[in-house]
Amino acid sequence: MSGAVSVVRYERRGPVAVVTMNRPEYRNAQNSAMTYALDEAFYRAAADDEVKVIVLAGEGRHFSAGHDIGTPERDAHLSFDRRASLWWDHVGREGAESRFARESEVYLGMCRRWREIPKPMIAMVQGACIAGGLMLAWVCDLIVASEDAFFSDPVVRMGIPGVEYFAHPWAMPPRIAKEFLFTGDRMPARRAYEVGMVNRVVPREELEAQVLALAERVAAMPRMGLALAKKAVNQAEDLQGMHAGMDSVFGLHHLAHAHNAETSADSLAGMDPRSMKAAADGS
């Protein structure tokens, strides 16, 4: 997959394509290389007539710790091959112009692109599903979580009102979404199931088998029927304001970045993976 094999694996299992994020040493934190490797994998699955269902997984103990904000392979300074938006390259730009251009492409734009894949997608979530990891799970049509899974969007600690793909009020009731954001606390898988964000919670050792069984059951349905059913529900969400709501919150997200850049060490308010983890652990 054009040099990106190391960060994403692609495997066909009958009518199911399993796409696996493969940076377990960094809890599958998403750099741009991973974003574009995922895009290639999803495009490949969408174009393959033998694939009926796509499963998104994360290698290792955790599904995804979110955006890469501190690993040695963080590549936010590099140019990208724009596919999801027509904004100009962020490289060589300054301030909000650079941040807005990059995040319009690799975060909001890519997630919207993936949400519209005309094949059912199932997120197979274990361990951490944090911030940018939520975005990847939320673009999937179904979420199956292991009992040890947890979900959180702690970016309010950075003064930011949630991740770029702001699906919070559609993924859970609005008051739950506010609590989720206001506290930054980890939501256990069982609670995520209770509020309707997760379809099923299963024992960790049964996660893969149960996800594949569900995928095969879905794959038995007619392809056109699945595509139209997915489009129908997506359109209903957008009629409830999801698309326009995300656009408006994306602007608030970048207002927060710009405010941080003017009043603190950087656009993330000086926070890094270590300080974010310490805050989550209460230390």
C-alpha atoms as a PDB file:
ATOM      1  CA  MET A   1       0.000   0.000   0.000  1.00  0.00           C
ATOM      2  CA  SER A   2       2.410   2.584  -1.338  1.00  0.00           C
ATOM      3  CA  GLY A   3       4.967   2.426   1.453  1.00  0.00           C
ATOM      4  CA  ALA A   4       2.424   2.448   4.265  1.00  0.00           C
ATOM      5  CA  VAL A   5       2.190  -1.304   4.851  1.00  0.00           C
ATOM      6  CA  SER A   6       3.891  -1.019   8.239  1.00  0.00           C
ATOM      7  CA  VAL A   7       1.218   1.186   9.810  1.00  0.00           C
ATOM      8  CA  VAL A   8      -1.930  -0.489   8.427  1.00  0.00           C
ATOM      9  CA  ARG A   9      -2.596  -4.130   7.550  1.00  0.00           C
ATOM     10  CA  TYR A  10      -5.241  -5.290   5.071  1.00  0.00           C
ATOM     11  CA  GLU A  11      -6.675  -8.799   5.082  1.00  0.00           C
ATOM     12  CA  ARG A  12      -9.557 -10.434   3.233  1.00  0.00           C
ATOM     13  CA  ARG A  13     -11.560 -13.017   5.172  1.00  0.00           C
ATOM     14  CA  GLY A  14     -14.208 -14.183   2.745  1.00  0.00           C
ATOM     15  CA  PRO A  15     -16.676 -11.314   2.285  1.00  0.00           C
ATOM     16  CA  VAL A  16     -15.053  -9.301   5.090  1.00  0.00           C
ATOM     17  CA  ALA A  17     -12.089  -6.932   4.761  1.00  0.00           C
ATOM     18  CA  VAL A  18     -10.222  -6.470   8.041  1.00  0.00           C
ATOM     19  CA  VAL A  19      -8.270  -3.197   8.201  1.00  0.00           C
ATOM     20  CA  THR A  20      -5.914  -3.078  11.182  1.00  0.00           C
ATOM     21  CA  MET A  21      -4.062  -0.063  12.536  1.00  0.00           C
ATOM     22  CA  ASN A  22      -0.551  -1.287  13.268  1.00  0.00           C
ATOM     23  CA  ARG A  23       1.336   1.056  15.571  1.00  0.00           C
ATOM     24  CA  PRO A  24       0.823  -0.886  18.808  1.00  0.00           C
ATOM     25  CA  GLU A  25       3.987   0.515  20.376  1.00  0.00           C
ATOM     26  CA  TYR A  26       2.271   3.937  20.286  1.00  0.00           C
ATOM     27  CA  ARG A  27      -1.224   2.622  21.085  1.00  0.00           C
ATOM     28  CA  ASN A  28      -2.102   3.128  17.408  1.00  0.00           C
ATOM     29  CA  ALA A  29      -1.737   6.900  17.558  1.00  0.00           C
ATOM     30  CA  GLN A  30      -2.644   8.319  14.154  1.00  0.00           C
ATOM     31  CA  ASN A  31      -0.044  10.175  12.157  1.00  0.00           C
ATOM     32  CA  SER A  32      -0.673  11.274   8.571  1.00  0.00           C
ATOM     33  CA  ALA A  33       1.014   8.135   7.228  1.00  0.00           C
ATOM     34  CA  MET A  34      -1.607   6.062   9.030  1.00  0.00           C
ATOM     35  CA  THR A  35      -4.436   8.312   7.845  1.00  0.00           C
ATOM     36  CA  TYR A  36      -3.512   7.836   4.214  1.00  0.00           C
ATOM     37  CA  ALA A  37      -2.831   4.123   4.673  1.00  0.00           C
ATOM     38  CA  LEU A  38      -6.329   3.776   6.133  1.00  0.00           C
ATOM     39  CA  ASP A  39      -7.737   5.701   3.188  1.00  0.00           C
ATOM     40  CA  GLU A  40      -6.013   3.351   0.742  1.00  0.00           C
ATOM     41  CA  ALA A  41      -7.299   0.306   2.623  1.00  0.00           C
ATOM     42  CA  PHE A  42     -10.877   1.599   2.742  1.00  0.00           C
ATOM     43  CA  TYR A  43     -10.775   2.538  -0.931  1.00  0.00           C
ATOM     44  CA  ARG A  44      -9.463  -0.930  -1.750  1.00  0.00           C
ATOM     45  CA  ALA A  45     -12.281  -2.576   0.204  1.00  0.00           C
ATOM     46  CA  ALA A  46     -14.916  -0.298  -1.315  1.00  0.00           C
ATOM     47  CA  ALA A  47     -13.719  -1.149  -4.844  1.00  0.00           C
ATOM     48  CA  ASP A  48     -13.571  -4.920  -4.275  1.00  0.00           C
ATOM     49  CA  ASP A  49     -16.853  -6.533  -5.353  1.00  0.00           C
ATOM     50  CA  GLU A  50     -16.099  -9.555  -3.160  1.00  0.00           C
ATOM     51  CA  VAL A  51     -16.023  -7.413   0.004  1.00  0.00           C
ATOM     52  CA  LYS A  52     -19.399  -6.862   1.642  1.00  0.00           C
ATOM     53  CA  VAL A  53     -18.344  -5.571   5.087  1.00  0.00           C
ATOM     54  CA  ILE A  54     -15.296  -3.720   6.441  1.00  0.00           C
ATOM     55  CA  VAL A  55     -13.948  -4.264   9.958  1.00  0.00           C
ATOM     56  CA  LEU A  56     -11.658  -1.616  11.491  1.00  0.00           C
ATOM     57  CA  ALA A  57      -9.340  -2.938  14.209  1.00  0.00           C
ATOM     58  CA  GLY A  58      -6.308  -1.867  16.222  1.00  0.00           C
ATOM     59  CA  GLU A  59      -3.306  -4.110  16.822  1.00  0.00           C
ATOM     60  CA  GLY A  60      -2.240  -4.746  20.398  1.00  0.00           C
ATOM     61  CA  ARG A  61      -3.834  -3.784  23.695  1.00  0.00           C
ATOM     62  CA  HIS A  62      -5.560  -0.620  22.466  1.00  0.00           C
ATOM     63  CA  PHE A  63      -7.766   0.403  19.562  1.00  0.00           C
ATOM     64  CA  SER A  64      -6.345   3.923  19.312  1.00  0.00           C
ATOM     65  CA  ALA A  65      -4.994   6.583  21.642  1.00  0.00           C
ATOM     66  CA  GLY A  66      -5.963   9.284  19.149  1.00  0.00           C
ATOM     67  CA  HIS A  67      -3.998  11.793  17.109  1.00  0.00           C
ATOM     68  CA  ASP A  68      -0.227  11.502  17.150  1.00  0.00           C
ATOM     69  CA  ILE A  69       0.936  14.513  19.163  1.00  0.00           C
ATOM     70  CA  GLY A  70       4.288  13.227  20.362  1.00  0.00           C
ATOM     71  CA  THR A  71       5.758  10.055  18.833  1.00  0.00           C
ATOM     72  CA  PRO A  72       9.079  10.025  16.928  1.00  0.00           C
ATOM     73  CA  GLU A  73       7.127   9.454  13.698  1.00  0.00           C
ATOM     74  CA  ARG A  74       4.814  12.405  14.112  1.00  0.00           C
ATOM     75  CA  ASP A  75       4.610  13.896  10.627  1.00  0.00           C
ATOM     76  CA  ALA A  76       2.351  16.929  10.957  1.00  0.00           C
ATOM     77  CA  HIS A  77       5.033  19.089   9.322  1.00  0.00           C
ATOM     78  CA  LEU A  78       4.993  17.091   6.074  1.00  0.00           C
ATOM     79  CA  SER A  79       2.920  17.728   2.969  1.00  0.00           C
ATOM     80  CA  PHE A  80       0.001  15.417   2.293  1.00  0.00           C
ATOM     81  CA  ASP A  81      -1.638  14.120  -0.855  1.00  0.00           C
ATOM     82  CA  ARG A  82      -4.961  15.947  -0.579  1.00  0.00           C
ATOM     83  CA  ARG A  83      -7.918  13.625  -1.195  1.00  0.00           C
ATOM     84  CA  ALA A  84     -10.726  14.747   1.097  1.00  0.00           C
ATOM     85  CA  SER A  85     -10.694  18.515   0.558  1.00  0.00           C
ATOM     86  CA  LEU A  86      -9.542  21.128  -1.936  1.00  0.00           C
ATOM     87  CA  TRP A  87      -7.796  23.270   0.648  1.00  0.00           C
ATOM     88  CA  TRP A  88      -4.209  24.144  -0.218  1.00  0.00           C
ATOM     89  CA  ASP A  89      -1.258  22.422   1.419  1.00  0.00           C
ATOM     90  CA  HIS A  90      -0.631  23.443   5.011  1.00  0.00           C
ATOM     91  CA  VAL A  91       3.155  23.334   4.621  1.00  0.00           C
ATOM     92  CA  GLY A  92       4.654  26.801   4.304  1.00  0.00           C
ATOM     93  CA  ARG A  93       1.578  28.467   5.780  1.00  0.00           C
ATOM     94  CA  GLU A  94       1.458  30.028   9.204  1.00  0.00           C
ATOM     95  CA  GLY A  95      -0.884  30.105  12.166  1.00  0.00           C
ATOM     96  CA  ALA A  96      -4.552  29.273  11.755  1.00  0.00           C
ATOM     97  CA  GLU A  97      -4.199  29.017   7.980  1.00  0.00           C
ATOM     98  CA  SER A  98      -1.863  26.044   8.348  1.00  0.00           C
ATOM     99  CA  ARG A  99      -3.835  24.288  11.091  1.00  0.00           C
ATOM    100  CA  PHE A 100      -7.185  24.775   9.378  1.00  0.00           C
ATOM    101  CA  ALA A 101      -5.896  23.478   6.046  1.00  0.00           C
ATOM    102  CA  ARG A 102      -4.307  20.366   7.541  1.00  0.00           C
ATOM    103  CA  GLU A 103      -7.168  19.437   9.844  1.00  0.00           C
ATOM    104  CA  SER A 104      -9.771  20.062   7.133  1.00  0.00           C
ATOM    105  CA  GLU A 105      -8.026  17.317   5.197  1.00  0.00           C
ATOM    106  CA  VAL A 106      -6.631  14.683   7.515  1.00  0.00           C
ATOM    107  CA  TYR A 107      -9.231  14.872  10.305  1.00  0.00           C
ATOM    108  CA  LEU A 108     -12.662  16.245   9.427  1.00  0.00           C
ATOM    109  CA  GLY A 109     -12.421  15.655   5.681  1.00  0.00           C
ATOM    110  CA  MET A 110     -11.108  12.107   5.866  1.00  0.00           C
ATOM    111  CA  CYS A 111     -13.667  11.064   8.465  1.00  0.00           C
ATOM    112  CA  ARG A 112     -16.523  12.426   6.380  1.00  0.00           C
ATOM    113  CA  ARG A 113     -15.134  10.606   3.346  1.00  0.00           C
ATOM    114  CA  TRP A 114     -15.017   7.319   5.249  1.00  0.00           C
ATOM    115  CA  ARG A 115     -18.504   7.740   6.720  1.00  0.00           C
ATOM    116  CA  GLU A 116     -19.863   7.672   3.180  1.00  0.00           C
ATOM    117  CA  ILE A 117     -18.235   4.381   2.135  1.00  0.00           C
ATOM    118  CA  PRO A 118     -21.203   2.451   0.700  1.00  0.00           C
ATOM    119  CA  LYS A 119     -20.427  -0.716   2.634  1.00  0.00           C
ATOM    120  CA  PRO A 120     -21.140  -1.407   6.311  1.00  0.00           C
ATOM    121  CA  MET A 121     -18.185  -0.774   8.626  1.00  0.00           C
ATOM    122  CA  ILE A 122     -17.738  -2.299  12.059  1.00  0.00           C
ATOM    123  CA  ALA A 123     -15.288  -0.944  14.637  1.00  0.00           C
ATOM    124  CA  MET A 124     -13.694  -3.662  16.785  1.00  0.00           C
ATOM    125  CA  VAL A 125     -12.621  -1.764  19.912  1.00  0.00           C
ATOM    126  CA  GLN A 126     -10.451  -2.963  22.767  1.00  0.00           C
ATOM    127  CA  GLY A 127      -8.620  -0.954  25.400  1.00  0.00           C
ATOM    128  CA  ALA A 128      -8.320   2.773  24.778  1.00  0.00           C
ATOM    129  CA  CYS A 129     -10.456   4.634  22.254  1.00  0.00           C
ATOM    130  CA  ILE A 130      -9.461   8.226  22.898  1.00  0.00           C
ATOM    131  CA  ALA A 131     -10.115  11.511  21.045  1.00  0.00           C
ATOM    132  CA  GLY A 132      -9.004  10.817  17.449  1.00  0.00           C
ATOM    133  CA  GLY A 133      -9.707   7.158  18.116  1.00  0.00           C
ATOM    134  CA  LEU A 134     -13.327   8.091  18.769  1.00  0.00           C
ATOM    135  CA  MET A 135     -13.491   9.688  15.345  1.00  0.00           C
ATOM    136  CA  LEU A 136     -12.415   6.446  13.702  1.00  0.00           C
ATOM    137  CA  ALA A 137     -14.934   4.400  15.685  1.00  0.00           C
ATOM    138  CA  TRP A 138     -17.718   6.916  15.061  1.00  0.00           C
ATOM    139  CA  VAL A 139     -17.377   6.820  11.266  1.00  0.00           C
ATOM    140  CA  CYS A 140     -18.145   3.096  11.486  1.00  0.00           C
ATOM    141  CA  ASP A 141     -21.763   1.980  11.339  1.00  0.00           C
ATOM    142  CA  LEU A 142     -21.510  -0.474  14.230  1.00  0.00           C
ATOM    143  CA  ILE A 143     -19.204  -0.567  17.252  1.00  0.00           C
ATOM    144  CA  VAL A 144     -18.444  -3.765  19.129  1.00  0.00           C
ATOM    145  CA  ALA A 145     -16.343  -3.245  22.244  1.00  0.00           C
ATOM    146  CA  SER A 146     -14.548  -5.591  24.585  1.00  0.00           C
ATOM    147  CA  GLU A 147     -15.324  -5.410  28.282  1.00  0.00           C
ATOM    148  CA  ASP A 148     -11.961  -3.724  28.908  1.00  0.00           C
ATOM    149  CA  ALA A 149     -12.593  -0.951  26.374  1.00  0.00           C
ATOM    150  CA  PHE A 150     -13.052   2.677  27.385  1.00  0.00           C
ATOM    151  CA  PHE A 151     -13.841   5.878  25.494  1.00  0.00           C
ATOM    152  CA  SER A 152     -12.840   9.470  26.203  1.00  0.00           C
ATOM    153  CA  ASP A 153     -12.408  12.878  24.618  1.00  0.00           C
ATOM    154  CA  PRO A 154     -10.207  14.782  27.079  1.00  0.00           C
ATOM    155  CA  VAL A 155      -9.264  17.708  24.816  1.00  0.00           C
ATOM    156  CA  VAL A 156     -11.247  20.225  26.866  1.00  0.00           C
ATOM    157  CA  ARG A 157      -8.131  20.062  29.067  1.00  0.00           C
ATOM    158  CA  MET A 158      -6.441  21.821  26.141  1.00  0.00           C
ATOM    159  CA  GLY A 159      -9.213  24.401  26.030  1.00  0.00           C
ATOM    160  CA  ILE A 160     -10.578  22.729  22.869  1.00  0.00           C
ATOM    161  CA  PRO A 161     -14.321  21.897  22.675  1.00  0.00           C
ATOM    162  CA  GLY A 162     -13.935  18.343  21.350  1.00  0.00           C
ATOM    163  CA  VAL A 163     -12.246  16.544  18.482  1.00  0.00           C
ATOM    164  CA  GLU A 164     -12.553  17.710  14.889  1.00  0.00           C
ATOM    165  CA  TYR A 165     -15.196  15.183  13.801  1.00  0.00           C
ATOM    166  CA  PHE A 166     -17.709  16.407  16.383  1.00  0.00           C
ATOM    167  CA  ALA A 167     -20.226  13.556  16.416  1.00  0.00           C
ATOM    168  CA  HIS A 168     -20.748  13.705  20.180  1.00  0.00           C
ATOM    169  CA  PRO A 169     -24.433  14.822  20.278  1.00  0.00           C
ATOM    170  CA  TRP A 170     -25.337  12.178  17.687  1.00  0.00           C
ATOM    171  CA  ALA A 171     -23.272   9.355  19.181  1.00  0.00           C
ATOM    172  CA  MET A 172     -24.846   9.859  22.620  1.00  0.00           C
ATOM    173  CA  PRO A 173     -27.574  11.990  24.233  1.00  0.00           C
ATOM    174  CA  PRO A 174     -26.621  15.693  24.524  1.00  0.00           C
ATOM    175  CA  ARG A 175     -26.415  15.761  28.334  1.00  0.00           C
ATOM    176  CA  ILE A 176     -24.217  12.677  28.312  1.00  0.00           C
ATOM    177  CA  ALA A 177     -22.077  14.347  25.635  1.00  0.00           C
ATOM    178  CA  LYS A 178     -21.667  17.394  27.871  1.00  0.00           C
ATOM    179  CA  GLU A 179     -20.629  15.282  30.849  1.00  0.00           C
ATOM    180  CA  PHE A 180     -18.257  13.337  28.589  1.00  0.00           C
ATOM    181  CA  LEU A 181     -16.599  16.587  27.471  1.00  0.00           C
ATOM    182  CA  PHE A 182     -16.811  18.573  30.727  1.00  0.00           C
ATOM    183  CA  THR A 183     -15.090  15.890  32.804  1.00  0.00           C
ATOM    184  CA  GLY A 184     -12.806  14.249  30.243  1.00  0.00           C
ATOM    185  CA  ASP A 185     -13.460  11.035  32.179  1.00  0.00           C
ATOM    186  CA  ARG A 186     -13.147   7.592  30.676  1.00  0.00           C
ATOM    187  CA  MET A 187     -16.478   6.044  29.728  1.00  0.00           C
ATOM    188  CA  PRO A 188     -16.366   2.264  30.265  1.00  0.00           C
ATOM    189  CA  ALA A 189     -17.666   0.033  27.502  1.00  0.00           C
ATOM    190  CA  ARG A 190     -20.733  -0.964  29.506  1.00  0.00           C
ATOM    191  CA  ARG A 191     -21.727   2.676  30.019  1.00  0.00           C
ATOM    192  CA  ALA A 192     -21.141   3.364  26.318  1.00  0.00           C
ATOM    193  CA  TYR A 193     -23.549   0.526  25.562  1.00  0.00           C
ATOM    194  CA  GLU A 194     -26.132   1.913  27.984  1.00  0.00           C
ATOM    195  CA  VAL A 195     -26.140   5.332  26.298  1.00  0.00           C
ATOM    196  CA  GLY A 196     -26.384   3.817  22.829  1.00  0.00           C
ATOM    197  CA  MET A 197     -22.898   4.590  21.510  1.00  0.00           C
ATOM    198  CA  VAL A 198     -21.857   0.927  21.327  1.00  0.00           C
ATOM    199  CA  ASN A 199     -23.850  -1.931  19.804  1.00  0.00           C
ATOM    200  CA  ARG A 200     -22.392  -4.817  21.794  1.00  0.00           C
ATOM    201  CA  VAL A 201     -19.974  -5.458  24.669  1.00  0.00           C
ATOM    202  CA  VAL A 202     -18.245  -8.826  24.710  1.00  0.00           C
ATOM    203  CA  PRO A 203     -15.439 -10.558  26.639  1.00  0.00           C
ATOM    204  CA  ARG A 204     -12.000  -9.555  25.361  1.00  0.00           C
ATOM    205  CA  GLU A 205     -11.127 -13.107  24.346  1.00  0.00           C
ATOM    206  CA  GLU A 206     -14.299 -13.320  22.232  1.00  0.00           C
ATOM    207  CA  LEU A 207     -14.039  -9.920  20.558  1.00  0.00           C
ATOM    208  CA  GLU A 208     -12.589 -10.942  17.208  1.00  0.00           C
ATOM    209  CA  ALA A 209     -14.772 -14.019  16.813  1.00  0.00           C
ATOM    210  CA  GLN A 210     -17.966 -12.140  17.649  1.00  0.00           C
ATOM    211  CA  VAL A 211     -17.128  -9.221  15.362  1.00  0.00           C
ATOM    212  CA  LEU A 212     -16.395 -11.541  12.448  1.00  0.00           C
ATOM    213  CA  ALA A 213     -19.607 -13.485  13.099  1.00  0.00           C
ATOM    214  CA  LEU A 214     -21.577 -10.232  13.049  1.00  0.00           C
ATOM    215  CA  ALA A 215     -19.769  -9.089   9.898  1.00  0.00           C
ATOM    216  CA  GLU A 216     -20.598 -12.345   8.124  1.00  0.00           C
ATOM    217  CA  ARG A 217     -24.240 -12.072   9.172  1.00  0.00           C
ATOM    218  CA  VAL A 218     -24.424  -8.543   7.740  1.00  0.00           C
ATOM    219  CA  ALA A 219     -22.576  -9.693   4.614  1.00  0.00           C
ATOM    220  CA  ALA A 220     -25.391 -12.121   3.863  1.00  0.00           C
ATOM    221  CA  MET A 221     -27.695  -9.186   3.060  1.00  0.00           C
ATOM    222  CA  PRO A 222     -27.931  -7.782  -0.499  1.00  0.00           C
ATOM    223  CA  ARG A 223     -25.167  -5.301  -1.272  1.00  0.00           C
ATOM    224  CA  MET A 224     -27.478  -2.628  -2.704  1.00  0.00           C
ATOM    225  CA  GLY A 225     -29.862  -2.948   0.216  1.00  0.00           C
ATOM    226  CA  LEU A 226     -27.019  -2.437   2.687  1.00  0.00           C
ATOM    227  CA  ALA A 227     -25.697   0.582   0.795  1.00  0.00           C
ATOM    228  CA  LEU A 228     -29.105   2.229   0.625  1.00  0.00           C
ATOM    229  CA  ALA A 229     -29.921   1.485   4.266  1.00  0.00           C
ATOM    230  CA  LYS A 230     -26.621   3.043   5.332  1.00  0.00           C
ATOM    231  CA  LYS A 231     -27.247   6.097   3.156  1.00  0.00           C
ATOM    232  CA  ALA A 232     -30.766   6.453   4.530  1.00  0.00           C
ATOM    233  CA  VAL A 233     -29.593   6.576   8.151  1.00  0.00           C
ATOM    234  CA  ASN A 234     -26.699   8.900   7.311  1.00  0.00           C
ATOM    235  CA  GLN A 235     -29.087  11.257   5.528  1.00  0.00           C
ATOM    236  CA  ALA A 236     -31.408  11.224   8.533  1.00  0.00           C
ATOM    237  CA  GLU A 237     -28.505  12.193  10.804  1.00  0.00           C
ATOM    238  CA  ASP A 238     -27.587  15.031   8.471  1.00  0.00           C
ATOM    239  CA  LEU A 239     -31.198  16.225   8.399  1.00  0.00           C
ATOM    240  CA  GLN A 240     -30.916  16.342  12.200  1.00  0.00           C
ATOM    241  CA  GLY A 241     -28.037  18.795  11.733  1.00  0.00           C
ATOM    242  CA  MET A 242     -24.991  16.567  11.941  1.00  0.00           C
ATOM    243  CA  HIS A 243     -23.153  17.902   8.880  1.00  0.00           C
ATOM    244  CA  ALA A 244     -23.828  21.573   9.573  1.00  0.00           C
ATOM    245  CA  GLY A 245     -23.209  21.081  13.285  1.00  0.00           C
ATOM    246  CA  MET A 246     -19.779  19.634  12.613  1.00  0.00           C
ATOM    247  CA  ASP A 247     -18.913  22.593  10.396  1.00  0.00           C
ATOM    248  CA  SER A 248     -19.841  25.051  13.121  1.00  0.00           C
ATOM    249  CA  VAL A 249     -17.942  23.211  15.845  1.00  0.00           C
ATOM    250  CA  PHE A 250     -14.908  22.848  13.571  1.00  0.00           C
ATOM    251  CA  GLY A 251     -14.760  26.641  13.583  1.00  0.00           C
ATOM    252  CA  LEU A 252     -14.901  26.695  17.394  1.00  0.00           C
ATOM    253  CA  HIS A 253     -12.196  24.040  17.470  1.00  0.00           C
ATOM    254  CA  HIS A 254      -9.894  26.316  15.483  1.00  0.00           C
ATOM    255  CA  LEU A 255     -10.812  29.353  17.541  1.00  0.00           C
ATOM    256  CA  ALA A 256      -9.511  27.351  20.511  1.00  0.00           C
ATOM    257  CA  HIS A 257      -6.274  26.480  18.693  1.00  0.00           C
ATOM    258  CA  ALA A 258      -5.734  30.141  17.784  1.00  0.00           C
ATOM    259  CA  HIS A 259      -6.493  31.279  21.348  1.00  0.00           C
ATOM    260  CA  ASN A 260      -4.017  28.744  22.731  1.00  0.00           C
ATOM    261  CA  ALA A 261      -1.331  29.850  20.278  1.00  0.00           C
ATOM    262  CA  GLU A 262      -1.709  33.443  21.470  1.00  0.00           C
ATOM    263  CA  THR A 263      -1.973  32.800  25.208  1.00  0.00           C
ATOM    264  CA  SER A 264       0.084  29.662  25.899  1.00  0.00           C
ATOM    265  CA  ALA A 265       3.044  27.635  24.713  1.00  0.00           C
ATOM    266  CA  ASP A 266       1.404  26.319  21.546  1.00  0.00           C
ATOM    267  CA  SER A 267      -1.918  25.508  19.903  1.00  0.00           C
ATOM    268  CA  LEU A 268      -2.399  22.573  22.312  1.00  0.00           C
ATOM    269  CA  ALA A 269      -2.002  24.778  25.403  1.00  0.00           C
ATOM    270  CA  GLY A 270       1.341  23.167  26.172  1.00  0.00           C
ATOM    271  CA  MET A 271      -0.202  19.736  26.704  1.00  0.00           C
ATOM    272  CA  ASP A 272       1.551  16.584  25.491  1.00  0.00           C
ATOM    273  CA  PRO A 273       0.846  12.843  25.806  1.00  0.00           C
ATOM    274  CA  ARG A 274       2.529  12.639  29.204  1.00  0.00           C
ATOM    275  CA  SER A 275       0.616  15.556  30.737  1.00  0.00           C
ATOM    276  CA  MET A 276      -2.673  14.398  29.216  1.00  0.00           C
ATOM    277  CA  LYS A 277      -2.216  10.915  30.674  1.00  0.00           C
ATOM    278  CA  ALA A 278      -1.269  12.362  34.054  1.00  0.00           C
ATOM    279  CA  ALA A 279      -4.434  14.481  34.050  1.00  0.00           C
ATOM    280  CA  ALA A 280      -6.545  11.460  33.108  1.00  0.00           C
ATOM    281  CA  ASP A 281      -4.964   9.403  35.901  1.00  0.00           C
ATOM    282  CA  GLY A 282      -5.490  12.235  38.387  1.00  0.00           C
ATOM    283  CA  SER A 283      -1.768  12.563  39.120  1.00  0.00           C
END
